[in-house]
PDB file of N, CA and C in Angstrom:
ATOM      1  N   CYS A   1       0.820  -1.209   0.000  1.00  0.00           N
ATOM      2  CA  CYS A   1       0.000   0.000   0.000  1.00  0.00           C
ATOM      3  C   CYS A   1       0.856   1.262   0.000  1.00  0.00           C
ATOM      4  N   LEU A   2       2.034   1.192   0.581  1.00  0.00           N
ATOM      5  CA  LEU A   2       2.915   2.355   0.566  1.00  0.00           C
ATOM      6  C   LEU A   2       3.285   2.720  -0.870  1.00  0.00           C
ATOM      7  N   ASP A   3       3.459   1.720  -1.713  1.00  0.00           N
ATOM      8  CA  ASP A   3       3.773   1.969  -3.122  1.00  0.00           C
ATOM      9  C   ASP A   3       2.611   2.612  -3.874  1.00  0.00           C
ATOM     10  N   ALA A   4       1.399   2.475  -3.363  1.00  0.00           N
ATOM     11  CA  ALA A   4       0.227   3.045  -4.018  1.00  0.00           C
ATOM     12  C   ALA A   4       0.078   4.543  -3.723  1.00  0.00           C
ATOM     13  N   LEU A   5       0.765   5.031  -2.703  1.00  0.00           N
ATOM     14  CA  LEU A   5       0.707   6.461  -2.376  1.00  0.00           C
ATOM     15  C   LEU A   5       1.510   7.256  -3.396  1.00  0.00           C
ATOM     16  N   PRO A   6       1.163   8.525  -3.576  1.00  0.00           N
ATOM     17  CA  PRO A   6       2.025   9.384  -4.383  1.00  0.00           C
ATOM     18  C   PRO A   6       3.442   9.370  -3.787  1.00  0.00           C
ATOM     19  N   PRO A   7       4.468   9.412  -4.641  1.00  0.00           N
ATOM     20  CA  PRO A   7       5.853   9.274  -4.148  1.00  0.00           C
ATOM     21  C   PRO A   7       6.220  10.225  -3.015  1.00  0.00           C
ATOM     22  N   ARG A   8       5.782  11.456  -3.080  1.00  0.00           N
ATOM     23  CA  ARG A   8       6.124  12.430  -2.037  1.00  0.00           C
ATOM     24  C   ARG A   8       5.493  12.056  -0.697  1.00  0.00           C
ATOM     25  N   LEU A   9       4.235  11.614  -0.712  1.00  0.00           N
ATOM     26  CA  LEU A   9       3.584  11.188   0.532  1.00  0.00           C
ATOM     27  C   LEU A   9       4.255   9.935   1.083  1.00  0.00           C
ATOM     28  N   ALA A  10       4.590   9.011   0.204  1.00  0.00           N
ATOM     29  CA  ALA A  10       5.252   7.789   0.643  1.00  0.00           C
ATOM     30  C   ALA A  10       6.603   8.115   1.293  1.00  0.00           C
ATOM     31  N   ARG A  11       7.333   9.030   0.699  1.00  0.00           N
ATOM     32  CA  ARG A  11       8.649   9.422   1.244  1.00  0.00           C
ATOM     33  C   ARG A  11       8.496  10.058   2.630  1.00  0.00           C
ATOM     34  N   LEU A  12       7.526  10.970   2.762  1.00  0.00           N
ATOM     35  CA  LEU A  12       7.288  11.609   4.060  1.00  0.00           C
ATOM     36  C   LEU A  12       6.915  10.580   5.119  1.00  0.00           C
ATOM     37  N   PHE A  13       6.013   9.689   4.752  1.00  0.00           N
ATOM     38  CA  PHE A  13       5.585   8.657   5.692  1.00  0.00           C
ATOM     39  C   PHE A  13       6.780   7.797   6.089  1.00  0.00           C
ATOM     40  N   TRP A  14       7.587   7.380   5.127  1.00  0.00           N
ATOM     41  CA  TRP A  14       8.755   6.545   5.392  1.00  0.00           C
ATOM     42  C   TRP A  14       9.734   7.242   6.339  1.00  0.00           C
ATOM     43  N   LEU A  15      10.026   8.508   6.030  1.00  0.00           N
ATOM     44  CA  LEU A  15      10.959   9.255   6.862  1.00  0.00           C
ATOM     45  C   LEU A  15      10.464   9.378   8.300  1.00  0.00           C
ATOM     46  N   ARG A  16       9.194   9.688   8.464  1.00  0.00           N
ATOM     47  CA  ARG A  16       8.651   9.943   9.799  1.00  0.00           C
ATOM     48  C   ARG A  16       8.412   8.659  10.594  1.00  0.00           C
ATOM     49  N   GLU A  17       7.721   7.711   9.988  1.00  0.00           N
ATOM     50  CA  GLU A  17       7.257   6.547  10.732  1.00  0.00           C
ATOM     51  C   GLU A  17       8.248   5.386  10.749  1.00  0.00           C
ATOM     52  N   VAL A  18       9.026   5.224   9.707  1.00  0.00           N
ATOM     53  CA  VAL A  18       9.969   4.102   9.654  1.00  0.00           C
ATOM     54  C   VAL A  18      11.360   4.541  10.104  1.00  0.00           C
ATOM     55  N   MET A  19      11.833   5.630   9.530  1.00  0.00           N
ATOM     56  CA  MET A  19      13.173   6.109   9.866  1.00  0.00           C
ATOM     57  C   MET A  19      13.187   6.957  11.143  1.00  0.00           C
ATOM     58  N   GLU A  20      12.011   7.338  11.630  1.00  0.00           N
ATOM     59  CA  GLU A  20      11.838   8.120  12.851  1.00  0.00           C
ATOM     60  C   GLU A  20      12.597   9.443  12.820  1.00  0.00           C
ATOM     61  N   GLU A  21      12.619  10.073  11.650  1.00  0.00           N
ATOM     62  CA  GLU A  21      13.239  11.396  11.513  1.00  0.00           C
ATOM     63  C   GLU A  21      12.369  12.423  12.233  1.00  0.00           C
ATOM     64  N   ASP A  22      13.003  13.473  12.731  1.00  0.00           N
ATOM     65  CA  ASP A  22      12.214  14.495  13.403  1.00  0.00           C
ATOM     66  C   ASP A  22      11.661  15.504  12.389  1.00  0.00           C
ATOM     67  N   THR A  23      10.694  16.254  12.848  1.00  0.00           N
ATOM     68  CA  THR A  23       9.976  17.199  11.995  1.00  0.00           C
ATOM     69  C   THR A  23      10.918  18.192  11.320  1.00  0.00           C
ATOM     70  N   GLU A  24      11.829  18.733  12.074  1.00  0.00           N
ATOM     71  CA  GLU A  24      12.742  19.748  11.525  1.00  0.00           C
ATOM     72  C   GLU A  24      13.550  19.205  10.347  1.00  0.00           C
ATOM     73  N   ASN A  25      14.108  18.014  10.496  1.00  0.00           N
ATOM     74  CA  ASN A  25      14.906  17.424   9.423  1.00  0.00           C
ATOM     75  C   ASN A  25      14.069  17.125   8.194  1.00  0.00           C
ATOM     76  N   ILE A  26      12.882  16.589   8.399  1.00  0.00           N
ATOM     77  CA  ILE A  26      12.010  16.269   7.266  1.00  0.00           C
ATOM     78  C   ILE A  26      11.622  17.548   6.531  1.00  0.00           C
ATOM     79  N   CYS A  27      11.256  18.566   7.273  1.00  0.00           N
ATOM     80  CA  CYS A  27      10.849  19.827   6.654  1.00  0.00           C
ATOM     81  C   CYS A  27      11.990  20.444   5.844  1.00  0.00           C
ATOM     82  N   LYS A  28      13.200  20.375   6.366  1.00  0.00           N
ATOM     83  CA  LYS A  28      14.357  20.887   5.629  1.00  0.00           C
ATOM     84  C   LYS A  28      14.572  20.092   4.353  1.00  0.00           C
ATOM     85  N   GLU A  29      14.571  18.775   4.474  1.00  0.00           N
ATOM     86  CA  GLU A  29      14.828  17.913   3.319  1.00  0.00           C
ATOM     87  C   GLU A  29      13.769  18.066   2.232  1.00  0.00           C
ATOM     88  N   MET A  30      12.518  18.196   2.645  1.00  0.00           N
ATOM     89  CA  MET A  30      11.420  18.249   1.680  1.00  0.00           C
ATOM     90  C   MET A  30      11.004  19.681   1.335  1.00  0.00           C
ATOM     91  N   ALA A  31      11.620  20.653   1.973  1.00  0.00           N
ATOM     92  CA  ALA A  31      11.317  22.078   1.746  1.00  0.00           C
ATOM     93  C   ALA A  31       9.831  22.384   1.953  1.00  0.00           C
ATOM     94  N   ILE A  32       9.332  21.972   3.135  1.00  0.00           N
ATOM     95  CA  ILE A  32       7.939  22.222   3.497  1.00  0.00           C
ATOM     96  C   ILE A  32       7.872  22.759   4.922  1.00  0.00           C
ATOM     97  N   THR A  33       6.709  23.283   5.294  1.00  0.00           N
ATOM     98  CA  THR A  33       6.505  23.773   6.654  1.00  0.00           C
ATOM     99  C   THR A  33       6.032  22.615   7.541  1.00  0.00           C
ATOM    100  N   PRO A  34       6.184  22.761   8.853  1.00  0.00           N
ATOM    101  CA  PRO A  34       5.660  21.719   9.753  1.00  0.00           C
ATOM    102  C   PRO A  34       4.161  21.494   9.574  1.00  0.00           C
ATOM    103  N   THR A  35       3.409  22.552   9.359  1.00  0.00           N
ATOM    104  CA  THR A  35       1.962  22.398   9.158  1.00  0.00           C
ATOM    105  C   THR A  35       1.694  21.561   7.915  1.00  0.00           C
ATOM    106  N   ASN A  36       2.428  21.846   6.853  1.00  0.00           N
ATOM    107  CA  ASN A  36       2.265  21.077   5.620  1.00  0.00           C
ATOM    108  C   ASN A  36       2.665  19.623   5.836  1.00  0.00           C
ATOM    109  N   LEU A  37       3.716  19.388   6.610  1.00  0.00           N
ATOM    110  CA  LEU A  37       4.139  18.022   6.910  1.00  0.00           C
ATOM    111  C   LEU A  37       3.017  17.249   7.584  1.00  0.00           C
ATOM    112  N   TRP A  38       2.414  17.832   8.608  1.00  0.00           N
ATOM    113  CA  TRP A  38       1.357  17.124   9.341  1.00  0.00           C
ATOM    114  C   TRP A  38       0.142  16.879   8.465  1.00  0.00           C
ATOM    115  N   THR A  39      -0.180  17.825   7.600  1.00  0.00           N
ATOM    116  CA  THR A  39      -1.298  17.639   6.674  1.00  0.00           C
ATOM    117  C   THR A  39      -1.003  16.493   5.710  1.00  0.00           C
ATOM    118  N   MET A  40       0.197  16.480   5.181  1.00  0.00           N
ATOM    119  CA  MET A  40       0.567  15.434   4.238  1.00  0.00           C
ATOM    120  C   MET A  40       0.650  14.067   4.919  1.00  0.00           C
ATOM    121  N   LEU A  41       1.150  14.017   6.139  1.00  0.00           N
ATOM    122  CA  LEU A  41       1.179  12.760   6.873  1.00  0.00           C
ATOM    123  C   LEU A  41      -0.234  12.247   7.134  1.00  0.00           C
ATOM    124  N   HIS A  42      -1.137  13.154   7.455  1.00  0.00           N
ATOM    125  CA  HIS A  42      -2.536  12.759   7.658  1.00  0.00           C
ATOM    126  C   HIS A  42      -3.096  12.145   6.384  1.00  0.00           C
ATOM    127  N   ARG A  43      -2.848  12.791   5.256  1.00  0.00           N
ATOM    128  CA  ARG A  43      -3.334  12.268   3.970  1.00  0.00           C
ATOM    129  C   ARG A  43      -2.691  10.919   3.649  1.00  0.00           C
ATOM    130  N   GLY A  44      -1.410  10.800   3.947  1.00  0.00           N
ATOM    131  CA  GLY A  44      -0.728   9.530   3.711  1.00  0.00           C
ATOM    132  C   GLY A  44      -1.293   8.412   4.562  1.00  0.00           C
ATOM    133  N   ARG A  45      -1.522   8.696   5.839  1.00  0.00           N
ATOM    134  CA  ARG A  45      -2.100   7.683   6.733  1.00  0.00           C
ATOM    135  C   ARG A  45      -3.498   7.287   6.284  1.00  0.00           C
ATOM    136  N   LEU A  46      -4.273   8.269   5.869  1.00  0.00           N
ATOM    137  CA  LEU A  46      -5.620   7.989   5.377  1.00  0.00           C
ATOM    138  C   LEU A  46      -5.563   7.103   4.132  1.00  0.00           C
ATOM    139  N   GLY A  47      -4.657   7.424   3.213  1.00  0.00           N
ATOM    140  CA  GLY A  47      -4.505   6.615   2.012  1.00  0.00           C
ATOM    141  C   GLY A  47      -4.073   5.190   2.328  1.00  0.00           C
ATOM    142  N   LEU A  48      -3.158   5.043   3.269  1.00  0.00           N
ATOM    143  CA  LEU A  48      -2.719   3.713   3.683  1.00  0.00           C
ATOM    144  C   LEU A  48      -3.855   2.943   4.336  1.00  0.00           C
ATOM    145  N   TRP A  49      -4.596   3.612   5.191  1.00  0.00           N
ATOM    146  CA  TRP A  49      -5.719   2.956   5.866  1.00  0.00           C
ATOM    147  C   TRP A  49      -6.754   2.471   4.851  1.00  0.00           C
ATOM    148  N   GLN A  50      -7.072   3.310   3.880  1.00  0.00           N
ATOM    149  CA  GLN A  50      -8.054   2.931   2.857  1.00  0.00           C
ATOM    150  C   GLN A  50      -7.558   1.750   2.031  1.00  0.00           C
ATOM    151  N   CYS A  51      -6.300   1.765   1.655  1.00  0.00           N
ATOM    152  CA  CYS A  51      -5.724   0.667   0.879  1.00  0.00           C
ATOM    153  C   CYS A  51      -5.721  -0.629   1.679  1.00  0.00           C
ATOM    154  N   LEU A  52      -5.279  -0.547   2.923  1.00  0.00           N
ATOM    155  CA  LEU A  52      -5.246  -1.742   3.759  1.00  0.00           C
ATOM    156  C   LEU A  52      -6.649  -2.294   3.992  1.00  0.00           C
ATOM    157  N   ASP A  53      -7.599  -1.413   4.219  1.00  0.00           N
ATOM    158  CA  ASP A  53      -8.971  -1.855   4.442  1.00  0.00           C
ATOM    159  C   ASP A  53      -9.540  -2.502   3.182  1.00  0.00           C
ATOM    160  N   ARG A  54      -9.272  -1.910   2.051  1.00  0.00           N
ATOM    161  CA  ARG A  54      -9.816  -2.399   0.779  1.00  0.00           C
ATOM    162  C   ARG A  54      -9.125  -3.694   0.344  1.00  0.00           C
ATOM    163  N   ASP A  55      -7.806  -3.725   0.427  1.00  0.00           N
ATOM    164  CA  ASP A  55      -7.057  -4.828  -0.161  1.00  0.00           C
ATOM    165  C   ASP A  55      -6.611  -5.909   0.816  1.00  0.00           C
ATOM    166  N   TRP A  56      -6.658  -5.632   2.101  1.00  0.00           N
ATOM    167  CA  TRP A  56      -6.155  -6.607   3.067  1.00  0.00           C
ATOM    168  C   TRP A  56      -7.186  -6.936   4.127  1.00  0.00           C
ATOM    169  N   VAL A  57      -7.426  -6.016   5.017  1.00  0.00           N
ATOM    170  CA  VAL A  57      -8.301  -6.267   6.167  1.00  0.00           C
ATOM    171  C   VAL A  57      -9.738  -6.513   5.725  1.00  0.00           C
ATOM    172  N   GLY A  58     -10.245  -5.668   4.828  1.00  0.00           N
ATOM    173  CA  GLY A  58     -11.628  -5.787   4.388  1.00  0.00           C
ATOM    174  C   GLY A  58     -11.898  -7.021   3.546  1.00  0.00           C
ATOM    175  N   ASN A  59     -10.846  -7.640   3.008  1.00  0.00           N
ATOM    176  CA  ASN A  59     -11.003  -8.819   2.170  1.00  0.00           C
ATOM    177  C   ASN A  59     -10.879 -10.122   2.916  1.00  0.00           C
ATOM    178  N   VAL A  60     -10.624 -10.049   4.202  1.00  0.00           N
ATOM    179  CA  VAL A  60     -10.465 -11.282   4.984  1.00  0.00           C
ATOM    180  C   VAL A  60     -11.843 -11.907   5.181  1.00  0.00           C
ATOM    181  N   GLN A  61     -11.943 -13.143   4.774  1.00  0.00           N
ATOM    182  CA  GLN A  61     -13.197 -13.875   4.931  1.00  0.00           C
ATOM    183  C   GLN A  61     -13.065 -14.787   6.149  1.00  0.00           C
ATOM    184  N   VAL A  62     -13.995 -14.700   7.043  1.00  0.00           N
ATOM    185  CA  VAL A  62     -13.981 -15.556   8.223  1.00  0.00           C
ATOM    186  C   VAL A  62     -14.691 -16.858   7.871  1.00  0.00           C
ATOM    187  N   ALA A  63     -14.016 -17.958   8.081  1.00  0.00           N
ATOM    188  CA  ALA A  63     -14.615 -19.267   7.783  1.00  0.00           C
ATOM    189  C   ALA A  63     -15.764 -19.524   8.750  1.00  0.00           C
ATOM    190  N   ALA A  64     -16.840 -20.020   8.182  1.00  0.00           N
ATOM    191  CA  ALA A  64     -18.010 -20.353   9.021  1.00  0.00           C
ATOM    192  C   ALA A  64     -17.681 -21.577   9.858  1.00  0.00           C
ATOM    193  N   ARG A  65     -18.039 -21.485  11.104  1.00  0.00           N
ATOM    194  CA  ARG A  65     -17.807 -22.629  12.003  1.00  0.00           C
ATOM    195  C   ARG A  65     -19.082 -23.454  12.058  1.00  0.00           C
ATOM    196  N   GLY A  66     -18.928 -24.740  12.029  1.00  0.00           N
ATOM    197  CA  GLY A  66     -20.135 -25.528  12.053  1.00  0.00           C
ATOM    198  C   GLY A  66     -19.957 -26.854  12.532  1.00  0.00           C
TER     199      GLY A  66
END
Protein backbone atom coordinates (compact mmCIF):
# COMPACT_ATOMS: atom_id res chain seq x y z
CA CYS A 1 0.00 0.00 0.00
CA LEU A 2 2.91 2.36 0.57
CA ASP A 3 3.77 1.97 -3.12
CA ALA A 4 0.23 3.04 -4.02
CA LEU A 5 0.71 6.46 -2.38
CA PRO A 6 2.03 9.38 -4.38
CA PRO A 7 5.85 9.27 -4.15
CA ARG A 8 6.12 12.43 -2.04
CA LEU A 9 3.58 11.19 0.53
CA ALA A 10 5.25 7.79 0.64
CA ARG A 11 8.65 9.42 1.24
CA LEU A 12 7.29 11.61 4.06
CA PHE A 13 5.58 8.66 5.69
CA TRP A 14 8.76 6.54 5.39
CA LEU A 15 10.96 9.26 6.86
CA ARG A 16 8.65 9.94 9.80
CA GLU A 17 7.26 6.55 10.73
CA VAL A 18 9.97 4.10 9.65
CA MET A 19 13.17 6.11 9.87
CA GLU A 20 11.84 8.12 12.85
CA GLU A 21 13.24 11.40 11.51
CA ASP A 22 12.21 14.50 13.40
CA THR A 23 9.98 17.20 12.00
CA GLU A 24 12.74 19.75 11.52
CA ASN A 25 14.91 17.42 9.42
CA ILE A 26 12.01 16.27 7.27
CA CYS A 27 10.85 19.83 6.65
CA LYS A 28 14.36 20.89 5.63
CA GLU A 29 14.83 17.91 3.32
CA MET A 30 11.42 18.25 1.68
CA ALA A 31 11.32 22.08 1.75
CA ILE A 32 7.94 22.22 3.50
CA THR A 33 6.50 23.77 6.65
CA PRO A 34 5.66 21.72 9.75
CA THR A 35 1.96 22.40 9.16
CA ASN A 36 2.27 21.08 5.62
CA LEU A 37 4.14 18.02 6.91
CA TRP A 38 1.36 17.12 9.34
CA THR A 39 -1.30 17.64 6.67
CA MET A 40 0.57 15.43 4.24
CA LEU A 41 1.18 12.76 6.87
CA HIS A 42 -2.54 12.76 7.66
CA ARG A 43 -3.33 12.27 3.97
CA GLY A 44 -0.73 9.53 3.71
CA ARG A 45 -2.10 7.68 6.73
CA LEU A 46 -5.62 7.99 5.38
CA GLY A 47 -4.51 6.62 2.01
CA LEU A 48 -2.72 3.71 3.68
CA TRP A 49 -5.72 2.96 5.87
CA GLN A 50 -8.05 2.93 2.86
CA CYS A 51 -5.72 0.67 0.88
CA LEU A 52 -5.25 -1.74 3.76
CA ASP A 53 -8.97 -1.85 4.44
CA ARG A 54 -9.82 -2.40 0.78
CA ASP A 55 -7.06 -4.83 -0.16
CA TRP A 56 -6.16 -6.61 3.07
CA VAL A 57 -8.30 -6.27 6.17
CA GLY A 58 -11.63 -5.79 4.39
CA ASN A 59 -11.00 -8.82 2.17
CA VAL A 60 -10.46 -11.28 4.98
CA GLN A 61 -13.20 -13.87 4.93
CA VAL A 62 -13.98 -15.56 8.22
CA ALA A 63 -14.61 -19.27 7.78
CA ALA A 64 -18.01 -20.35 9.02
CA ARG A 65 -17.81 -22.63 12.00
CA GLY A 66 -20.13 -25.53 12.05
